[in-house]
């Protein structure tokens, strides 16, 4: 399955900075596809993360 995530320019910068931070903390390259896959897996497997996601989705965009 292909997945496209569109973000505005400010969000794109934040995503890039987050990706760099993860690279520094893990000591390895983390590509965006891997980052999204791991976040989705975390949300499915980790109850507190899933509940936090549900609450954010209920509030709506932004």
Protein backbone atom coordinates (compact mmCIF):
# COMPACT_ATOMS: atom_id res chain seq x y z
CA UNK A 1 0.00 0.00 0.00
CA UNK A 2 1.28 3.44 -0.85
CA UNK A 3 0.67 6.28 1.58
CA UNK A 4 1.13 9.99 1.02
CA UNK A 5 1.20 12.45 3.90
CA UNK A 6 0.86 16.10 2.94
CA UNK A 7 2.00 18.79 5.35
CA UNK A 8 2.31 22.54 5.06
CA UNK A 9 5.80 24.09 4.77
CA UNK A 10 6.08 24.86 8.50
CA UNK A 11 5.11 21.29 9.40
CA UNK A 12 7.58 19.98 6.84
CA UNK A 13 10.38 21.87 8.58
CA UNK A 14 9.27 20.47 11.96
CA UNK A 15 9.18 16.93 10.54
CA UNK A 16 12.68 17.37 9.11
CA UNK A 17 13.99 18.64 12.46
CA UNK A 18 12.30 15.75 14.28
CA UNK A 19 13.88 13.31 11.83
CA UNK A 20 17.33 14.83 12.50
CA UNK A 21 16.73 14.63 16.27
CA UNK A 22 15.83 10.94 15.96
CA UNK A 23 18.95 10.31 13.87
CA UNK A 24 21.07 11.96 16.56
CA UNK A 25 19.36 10.03 19.38
CA UNK A 26 19.48 6.63 17.64
CA UNK A 27 22.82 7.02 15.92
CA UNK A 28 21.31 5.77 12.67
CA UNK A 29 19.49 7.11 9.65
CA UNK A 30 15.70 7.15 10.02
CA UNK A 31 13.81 7.74 6.80
CA UNK A 32 10.36 9.28 6.79
CA UNK A 33 8.61 6.07 5.67
CA UNK A 34 10.16 4.16 8.58
CA UNK A 35 9.23 6.97 10.95
CA UNK A 36 5.56 6.89 9.87
CA UNK A 37 5.43 3.06 10.03
CA UNK A 38 6.86 3.05 13.56
CA UNK A 39 4.47 5.78 14.73
CA UNK A 40 1.48 3.84 13.37
CA UNK A 41 2.72 0.65 15.03
CA UNK A 42 3.23 2.49 18.32
CA UNK A 43 -0.31 3.89 18.18
CA UNK A 44 -1.72 0.41 17.54
CA UNK A 45 0.30 -1.39 20.21
CA UNK A 46 0.69 1.16 23.02
CA UNK A 47 -2.58 1.94 24.80
CA UNK A 48 -1.61 5.37 26.20
CA UNK A 49 -0.38 6.50 22.78
CA UNK A 50 -3.56 5.23 21.12
CA UNK A 51 -5.75 7.00 23.69
CA UNK A 52 -3.80 10.24 23.23
CA UNK A 53 -4.26 9.93 19.47
CA UNK A 54 -8.01 9.37 19.87
CA UNK A 55 -8.29 12.49 22.02
CA UNK A 56 -6.38 14.60 19.48
CA UNK A 57 -8.55 13.28 16.64
CA UNK A 58 -11.72 14.12 18.58
CA UNK A 59 -10.53 17.73 18.93
CA UNK A 60 -10.16 18.08 15.19
CA UNK A 61 -7.44 19.63 13.01
CA UNK A 62 -4.81 21.83 14.48
